[in-house]
Protein backbone atom coordinates (compact mmCIF):
# COMPACT_ATOMS: atom_id res chain seq x y z
CA UNK A 1 -59.10 -0.53 -34.85
CA UNK A 2 -62.88 -1.46 -35.82
CA UNK A 3 -62.16 -4.08 -37.95
CA UNK A 4 -60.03 -5.73 -34.93
CA UNK A 5 -62.69 -5.04 -32.70
CA UNK A 6 -65.33 -6.55 -34.95
CA UNK A 7 -63.62 -9.47 -35.84
CA UNK A 8 -62.90 -10.53 -32.05
CA UNK A 9 -67.02 -10.09 -31.66
CA UNK A 10 -67.76 -12.79 -34.25
CA UNK A 11 -65.42 -14.61 -33.06
CA UNK A 12 -66.81 -14.79 -29.47
CA UNK A 13 -70.83 -15.09 -30.75
CA UNK A 14 -70.11 -17.97 -33.37
CA UNK A 15 -69.81 -20.95 -30.86
CA UNK A 16 -73.27 -19.72 -30.13
CA UNK A 17 -74.35 -19.30 -33.38
CA UNK A 18 -73.30 -23.11 -34.29
CA UNK A 19 -75.05 -24.32 -31.37
CA UNK A 20 -78.28 -22.57 -31.53
CA UNK A 21 -79.22 -23.90 -35.06
CA UNK A 22 -81.88 -26.34 -35.14
CA UNK A 23 -80.91 -29.26 -37.43
CA UNK A 24 -82.67 -32.76 -37.69
CA UNK A 25 -79.35 -34.08 -36.73
CA UNK A 26 -79.50 -32.88 -33.02
CA UNK A 27 -77.83 -36.65 -32.30
CA UNK A 28 -74.89 -36.23 -34.28
CA UNK A 29 -73.70 -32.93 -32.55
CA UNK A 30 -73.90 -34.82 -29.11
CA UNK A 31 -72.11 -37.60 -30.59
CA UNK A 32 -69.95 -35.03 -32.13
CA UNK A 33 -69.06 -33.95 -28.53
CA UNK A 34 -69.73 -37.34 -26.54
CA UNK A 35 -66.88 -39.58 -28.27
CA UNK A 36 -63.58 -36.65 -28.35
CA UNK A 37 -64.46 -36.29 -24.47
CA UNK A 38 -64.45 -40.36 -23.88
CA UNK A 39 -61.32 -40.96 -26.00
CA UNK A 40 -60.05 -38.24 -23.93
CA UNK A 41 -60.97 -40.03 -20.75
CA UNK A 42 -59.93 -43.48 -22.12
CA UNK A 43 -55.74 -41.95 -22.84
CA UNK A 44 -55.77 -40.64 -19.37
CA UNK A 45 -56.93 -43.99 -18.41
CA UNK A 46 -54.04 -45.59 -19.90
CA UNK A 47 -51.43 -43.18 -19.51
CA UNK A 48 -52.08 -43.55 -15.34
CA UNK A 49 -52.54 -47.45 -15.68
CA UNK A 50 -49.05 -47.49 -17.38
CA UNK A 51 -47.59 -44.90 -14.74
CA UNK A 52 -48.81 -46.97 -11.94
CA UNK A 53 -47.36 -50.71 -14.30
CA UNK A 54 -43.91 -48.60 -14.62
CA UNK A 55 -44.29 -47.81 -10.90
CA UNK A 56 -44.24 -51.32 -10.01
CA UNK A 57 -41.72 -52.45 -12.46
CA UNK A 58 -39.08 -50.13 -10.32
CA UNK A 59 -41.06 -50.85 -7.09
CA UNK A 60 -39.74 -52.96 -4.05
CA UNK A 61 -38.43 -55.78 -6.18
CA UNK A 62 -36.04 -53.35 -8.05
CA UNK A 63 -32.58 -53.22 -7.84
CA UNK A 64 -32.16 -50.32 -6.52
CA UNK A 65 -33.32 -49.88 -2.68
CA UNK A 66 -32.81 -46.60 -0.34
CA UNK A 67 -31.83 -47.93 3.05
CA UNK A 68 -31.59 -44.69 4.51
CA UNK A 69 -31.82 -40.78 3.77
CA UNK A 70 -30.82 -38.25 6.21
CA UNK A 71 -31.12 -34.52 5.87
CA UNK A 72 -27.72 -32.45 6.49
CA UNK A 73 -28.68 -29.16 5.22
CA UNK A 74 -31.17 -27.55 3.25
CA UNK A 75 -31.03 -29.24 -0.02
CA UNK A 76 -27.88 -32.08 1.00
CA UNK A 77 -28.48 -35.33 1.93
CA UNK A 78 -26.62 -38.51 3.14
CA UNK A 79 -28.32 -41.54 1.57
CA UNK A 80 -27.81 -45.24 2.13
CA UNK A 81 -28.83 -46.98 -1.11
CA UNK A 82 -28.44 -51.31 -1.41
CA UNK A 83 -27.79 -52.02 -5.27
CA UNK A 84 -27.31 -55.82 -5.88
CA UNK A 85 -24.45 -57.29 -3.52
CA UNK A 86 -23.16 -53.55 -2.54
CA UNK A 87 -24.12 -50.73 0.12
CA UNK A 88 -23.28 -47.52 -1.54
CA UNK A 89 -23.32 -44.48 0.66
CA UNK A 90 -24.01 -40.98 -1.51
CA UNK A 91 -23.95 -37.65 -1.05
CA UNK A 92 -26.42 -36.02 -2.64
CA UNK A 93 -27.10 -32.46 -3.43
CA UNK A 94 -28.88 -30.33 -5.77
CA UNK A 95 -26.31 -30.36 -8.28
CA UNK A 96 -24.37 -33.39 -7.90
CA UNK A 97 -24.36 -37.19 -6.74
CA UNK A 98 -21.31 -37.95 -4.96
CA UNK A 99 -19.92 -41.64 -3.68
CA UNK A 100 -18.83 -41.36 -0.26
CA UNK A 101 -18.11 -44.88 0.52
CA UNK A 102 -19.08 -48.17 -0.83
CA UNK A 103 -19.49 -50.80 1.76
CA UNK A 104 -20.34 -55.32 1.00
CA UNK A 105 -24.07 -55.65 1.59
CA UNK A 106 -23.67 -58.18 4.29
CA UNK A 107 -21.10 -55.81 6.36
CA UNK A 108 -22.81 -54.91 9.51
CA UNK A 109 -21.94 -51.05 9.70
CA UNK A 110 -22.85 -49.95 13.16
């Protein structure tokens, strides 16, 4: 138990000892900390750009468009979707999606 406690205490004090040393290359320490931070920020920005670009590809000009959605229960919905030249009426639950009706897009359903 004493050995475990000694190892934990040594692990807690190690970072402060490492940064407290006076080395003639103090700038390299900052460089070593700053470069990974910049790399992570750049990767995050690239990921966000990629997500936004992906959304733009699937956005308004995409092949599917939700025309209307009506909740009929806590987790159940009836959704009208335009797909190419067809209009689909879908029943959507938490477990499955089922085709209720298929209409032509130019039909006027009233």
